Amino acid sequence: MHDTFSWGDDTIEDLITTGAVDEIWCLSDFHTMYVMNCNHGRMRNYEVLRNHMWITRNGLRRYFDKVDLDKKDPNLFFFNANMSKGLRTLLHGIWPRLKKQIPKARLKVIGGYYKLGAAFNEEHDQERSFRELVGDAINDPSIEFTGVISQQRVSEIAAESTYFLYPAELPETYGISCLESLYANTPLLTCRFGALEETATEHSYMIDYAITPNGLSTDKVTYDRADVGGIEVDNSVATGHRKDVRNLTHPDLVGHCGGVEV
């Protein structure tokens, strides 16, 4: 499985018990635990599924062997995910507050939306919603929408940037974009939702709560968090003078990112 769900996954336990499927491959510890315990129409039984679960991990294509840290733009942030992963909150809540603290900050938004097709109703028209966000930001020169670009260009932007801003409104089952960012020596400003803590590891700035805590639950409560998932960004971050709990300045953390295993 690639996501937290797939079409017809409400029958996954029946497929296991009848022998139609004997192995389920997932992408992370979080992904595996969720698949074994979630309720997509009916509650799954962990004890039935646990001996059929396997974990594999994603990887990336390396377009360079080393990043020149001196060429990183201290004012450049980027977002690289589908818009459902918190782009609206980033543009409307986080970015305006960040710009007040770091006036020279610039944001590159990579990608945008999925064309979900007629199976989804108008409420889930991501293309329409994405174009509305682009329109809202049309008069803000600090925001650039790249559209769909080559994977090599994505890696170059990650290497040029200083931070990956990632509210993560929906959970990652792995997070390839996170791995790509760390490989480019660019830490994330994010949260521990889903598998992010496994992928972003100790090389990023993370808080416990996502923009929408318990975003996979039917009774979820949305909090108004206009700081980066709870991480307040100020000039001390931008200039690299803030220290985190490991007593590392931002330049120290950037230097550590390149050691991520891929």
Protein backbone atom coordinates (compact mmCIF):
# COMPACT_ATOMS: atom_id res chain seq x y z
CA MET A 1 0.00 0.00 0.00
CA HIS A 2 1.16 3.51 -0.78
CA ASP A 3 -1.39 5.64 1.08
CA THR A 4 -3.42 5.27 4.27
CA PHE A 5 -6.21 3.90 2.07
CA SER A 6 -6.84 2.36 -1.34
CA TRP A 7 -10.01 1.60 -3.20
CA GLY A 8 -11.64 -1.49 -1.68
CA ASP A 9 -9.30 -1.64 1.30
CA ASP A 10 -12.30 -2.27 3.57
CA THR A 11 -11.96 -5.89 2.40
CA ILE A 12 -8.26 -6.20 3.23
CA GLU A 13 -8.82 -8.42 6.27
CA ASP A 14 -11.10 -10.74 4.30
CA LEU A 15 -8.47 -11.01 1.59
CA ILE A 16 -5.91 -12.09 4.20
CA THR A 17 -8.12 -14.62 6.02
CA THR A 18 -9.27 -16.24 2.75
CA GLY A 19 -5.72 -16.54 1.45
CA ALA A 20 -6.31 -14.28 -1.55
CA VAL A 21 -3.54 -12.02 -0.20
CA ASP A 22 -0.72 -13.26 2.02
CA GLU A 23 1.49 -10.15 2.37
CA ILE A 24 0.82 -6.43 2.81
CA TRP A 25 3.74 -4.10 2.17
CA CYS A 26 3.81 -0.69 3.85
CA LEU A 27 6.24 2.24 3.86
CA SER A 28 6.89 3.05 7.53
CA ASP A 29 6.18 2.04 11.11
CA PHE A 30 3.31 4.52 11.24
CA HIS A 31 1.88 3.23 7.96
CA THR A 32 2.02 -0.36 9.16
CA MET A 33 0.38 0.35 12.51
CA TYR A 34 -2.34 2.41 10.87
CA VAL A 35 -3.20 -0.25 8.28
CA MET A 36 -3.47 -2.89 11.01
CA ASN A 37 -5.66 -0.85 13.36
CA CYS A 38 -7.73 1.64 11.35
CA ASN A 39 -11.48 1.67 10.72
CA HIS A 40 -12.43 2.09 7.07
CA GLY A 41 -15.99 0.86 7.39
CA ARG A 42 -15.22 -1.62 10.14
CA MET A 43 -12.51 -1.94 12.75
CA ARG A 44 -9.56 -4.06 11.69
CA ASN A 45 -8.07 -6.73 13.93
CA TYR A 46 -4.39 -6.21 14.62
CA GLU A 47 -3.85 -9.81 15.68
CA VAL A 48 -5.16 -11.09 12.34
CA LEU A 49 -3.02 -8.82 10.19
CA ARG A 50 0.25 -8.44 12.11
CA ASN A 51 1.96 -11.58 10.80
CA HIS A 52 1.27 -10.57 7.21
CA MET A 53 2.78 -7.07 7.37
CA TRP A 54 6.09 -6.03 5.82
CA ILE A 55 7.83 -2.67 5.86
CA THR A 56 9.83 -1.33 2.95
CA ARG A 57 11.11 2.23 2.59
CA ASN A 58 11.16 4.69 -0.26
CA GLY A 59 14.31 6.08 -1.82
CA LEU A 60 15.35 8.89 -4.14
CA ARG A 61 17.36 9.54 -7.27
CA ARG A 62 20.54 11.43 -6.49
CA TYR A 63 21.21 14.29 -8.90
CA PHE A 64 24.27 15.50 -7.02
CA ASP A 65 26.71 14.09 -4.49
CA LYS A 66 27.26 17.20 -2.39
CA VAL A 67 25.58 20.54 -1.69
CA ASP A 68 27.58 23.77 -1.50
CA LEU A 69 26.21 25.15 1.77
CA ASP A 70 27.66 28.60 1.10
CA LYS A 71 25.37 28.95 -1.94
CA LYS A 72 22.16 28.37 0.00
CA ASP A 73 19.77 31.32 0.04
CA PRO A 74 19.04 32.16 3.72
CA ASN A 75 15.71 33.73 2.74
CA LEU A 76 14.44 30.94 0.48
CA PHE A 77 11.75 28.54 1.72
CA PHE A 78 9.94 25.90 -0.32
CA PHE A 79 6.87 23.68 -0.17
CA ASN A 80 6.85 20.43 -2.15
CA ALA A 81 3.65 18.41 -1.79
CA ASN A 82 0.06 18.14 -2.89
CA MET A 83 -2.04 21.12 -1.78
CA SER A 84 -3.99 18.88 0.62
CA LYS A 85 -0.88 18.65 2.81
CA GLY A 86 -1.44 22.12 4.26
CA LEU A 87 -0.82 24.58 1.43
CA ARG A 88 -3.89 26.72 2.19
CA THR A 89 -2.87 27.12 5.82
CA LEU A 90 0.71 27.82 4.76
CA LEU A 91 -0.27 30.61 2.37
CA HIS A 92 -3.07 32.19 4.39
CA GLY A 93 -1.83 31.70 7.95
CA ILE A 94 1.85 30.88 8.21
CA TRP A 95 3.42 32.89 5.40
CA PRO A 96 1.99 36.32 6.32
CA ARG A 97 3.28 35.97 9.88
CA LEU A 98 6.64 34.69 8.71
CA LYS A 99 7.01 37.64 6.33
CA LYS A 100 6.49 40.06 9.22
CA GLN A 101 9.48 38.53 10.97
CA ILE A 102 11.60 37.95 7.84
CA PRO A 103 10.65 40.62 5.26
CA LYS A 104 13.06 39.27 2.64
CA ALA A 105 11.67 35.72 2.83
CA ARG A 106 10.65 34.07 -0.44
CA LEU A 107 8.58 30.92 -0.96
CA LYS A 108 8.62 28.52 -3.89
CA VAL A 109 5.55 26.28 -4.13
CA ILE A 110 6.33 23.14 -6.13
CA GLY A 111 3.60 21.08 -7.78
CA GLY A 112 0.06 21.70 -6.66
CA TYR A 113 -2.84 19.27 -7.04
CA TYR A 114 -4.08 15.90 -8.23
CA LYS A 115 -6.65 15.56 -11.00
CA LEU A 116 -8.98 13.24 -9.13
CA GLY A 117 -11.51 12.64 -11.89
CA ALA A 118 -15.27 12.29 -11.98
CA ALA A 119 -15.31 9.84 -9.05
CA PHE A 120 -14.84 12.82 -6.71
CA ASN A 121 -17.51 15.45 -6.29
CA GLU A 122 -17.04 19.19 -6.72
CA GLU A 123 -16.09 19.59 -3.07
CA HIS A 124 -12.85 17.78 -3.85
CA ASP A 125 -12.01 19.70 -7.02
CA GLN A 126 -8.36 20.29 -6.21
CA GLU A 127 -7.59 22.06 -9.46
CA ARG A 128 -10.24 24.71 -8.77
CA SER A 129 -9.05 25.12 -5.16
CA PHE A 130 -5.42 25.39 -6.22
CA ARG A 131 -6.18 28.06 -8.82
CA GLU A 132 -8.01 30.03 -6.13
CA LEU A 133 -4.88 29.92 -3.95
CA VAL A 134 -2.74 31.09 -6.85
CA GLY A 135 -5.19 33.95 -7.42
CA ASP A 136 -5.07 34.92 -3.75
CA ALA A 137 -1.28 35.21 -3.94
CA ILE A 138 -1.04 36.91 -7.33
CA ASN A 139 -0.06 40.27 -5.82
CA ASP A 140 2.54 38.81 -3.45
CA PRO A 141 5.93 38.84 -5.22
CA SER A 142 7.47 36.76 -2.44
CA ILE A 143 5.52 33.65 -3.56
CA GLU A 144 6.38 31.72 -6.72
CA PHE A 145 4.36 28.78 -8.04
CA THR A 146 6.61 26.55 -10.13
CA GLY A 147 3.91 24.19 -11.37
CA VAL A 148 4.95 20.66 -12.29
CA ILE A 149 8.70 20.65 -12.93
CA SER A 150 11.35 18.01 -13.50
CA GLN A 151 12.55 15.97 -10.57
CA GLN A 152 16.04 17.32 -11.12
CA ARG A 153 14.75 20.89 -10.79
CA VAL A 154 12.95 19.91 -7.59
CA SER A 155 16.24 18.67 -6.16
CA GLU A 156 17.98 21.90 -7.22
CA ILE A 157 15.37 24.06 -5.45
CA ALA A 158 15.75 21.92 -2.33
CA ALA A 159 19.51 22.46 -2.46
CA GLU A 160 19.13 26.23 -2.96
CA SER A 161 16.69 26.62 -0.06
CA THR A 162 17.29 26.96 3.66
CA TYR A 163 13.98 25.51 4.92
CA PHE A 164 11.24 23.16 3.75
CA LEU A 165 7.96 24.53 5.16
CA TYR A 166 5.62 21.59 5.64
CA PRO A 167 2.42 21.94 7.74
CA ALA A 168 1.47 18.31 6.88
CA GLU A 169 -2.29 18.64 7.25
CA LEU A 170 -2.70 15.07 6.05
CA PRO A 171 -0.27 12.35 7.16
CA GLU A 172 2.65 11.07 5.18
CA THR A 173 3.01 7.32 4.98
CA TYR A 174 6.66 7.97 4.22
CA GLY A 175 7.44 11.40 2.70
CA ILE A 176 9.80 11.23 -0.29
CA SER A 177 9.90 15.04 -0.50
CA CYS A 178 11.20 15.07 3.08
CA LEU A 179 13.99 12.68 2.19
CA GLU A 180 14.87 14.77 -0.87
CA SER A 181 15.02 17.90 1.27
CA LEU A 182 17.29 16.36 3.88
CA TYR A 183 19.58 14.95 1.22
CA ALA A 184 19.90 18.54 -0.04
CA ASN A 185 20.94 19.66 3.47
CA THR A 186 17.64 21.48 3.98
CA PRO A 187 15.87 20.85 7.31
CA LEU A 188 12.09 20.79 7.60
CA LEU A 189 9.84 23.03 9.68
CA THR A 190 7.10 20.53 10.33
CA CYS A 191 5.42 18.22 12.84
CA ARG A 192 5.45 14.57 13.90
CA PHE A 193 2.19 13.67 12.14
CA GLY A 194 2.16 10.34 10.32
CA ALA A 195 5.58 9.03 9.34
CA LEU A 196 7.31 12.41 9.34
CA GLU A 197 9.20 11.73 12.54
CA GLU A 198 10.63 8.57 10.97
CA THR A 199 11.66 10.25 7.73
CA ALA A 200 12.55 13.79 8.82
CA THR A 201 14.35 12.32 11.85
CA GLU A 202 16.33 14.48 14.23
CA HIS A 203 17.58 16.63 11.37
CA SER A 204 14.43 18.81 11.37
CA TYR A 205 12.42 21.18 13.52
CA MET A 206 9.27 19.33 14.63
CA ILE A 207 6.44 19.79 17.08
CA ASP A 208 3.90 17.19 18.12
CA TYR A 209 0.74 18.58 16.54
CA ALA A 210 -0.13 19.02 12.88
CA ILE A 211 -2.27 21.88 11.58
CA THR A 212 -5.23 19.51 11.97
CA PRO A 213 -4.57 17.23 14.97
CA ASN A 214 -6.02 13.75 14.46
CA GLY A 215 -6.60 14.61 10.82
CA LEU A 216 -7.46 10.98 10.05
CA SER A 217 -10.27 10.90 12.60
CA THR A 218 -13.92 11.57 11.79
CA ASP A 219 -14.27 13.77 14.89
CA LYS A 220 -11.16 15.85 14.22
CA VAL A 221 -10.75 19.29 15.72
CA THR A 222 -9.01 22.00 13.71
CA TYR A 223 -6.77 24.41 15.54
CA ASP A 224 -5.84 27.84 14.26
CA ARG A 225 -2.07 27.48 14.07
CA ALA A 226 -0.51 30.28 12.06
CA ASP A 227 2.95 29.40 13.23
CA VAL A 228 4.74 26.64 11.36
CA GLY A 229 2.82 23.79 12.92
CA GLY A 230 3.52 25.48 16.23
CA ILE A 231 7.13 26.46 15.45
CA GLU A 232 7.45 30.23 15.66
CA VAL A 233 9.78 31.56 12.98
CA ASP A 234 11.68 34.75 13.69
CA ASN A 235 14.86 36.50 12.70
CA SER A 236 16.96 34.32 14.97
CA VAL A 237 15.98 31.32 12.84
CA ALA A 238 16.63 33.13 9.57
CA THR A 239 20.10 34.24 10.62
CA GLY A 240 20.95 30.86 12.09
CA HIS A 241 21.33 32.09 15.67
CA ARG A 242 18.53 30.12 17.26
CA LYS A 243 19.56 26.93 18.99
CA ASP A 244 17.35 23.88 19.30
CA VAL A 245 17.12 21.31 22.08
CA ARG A 246 20.33 19.66 20.89
CA ASN A 247 22.16 23.00 21.25
CA LEU A 248 22.71 23.13 17.49
CA THR A 249 22.44 26.36 15.52
CA HIS A 250 20.72 26.18 12.14
CA PRO A 251 24.01 26.04 10.19
CA ASP A 252 25.05 23.10 12.39
CA LEU A 253 21.78 21.33 11.62
CA VAL A 254 22.13 21.99 7.90
CA GLY A 255 25.57 20.44 8.01
CA HIS A 256 24.19 17.31 9.63
CA CYS A 257 21.38 16.78 7.09
CA GLY A 258 23.62 15.52 4.33
CA GLY A 259 24.36 12.42 6.38
CA VAL A 260 20.85 11.04 5.90
CA GLU A 261 20.92 7.52 4.48
CA VAL A 262 19.25 7.06 1.09
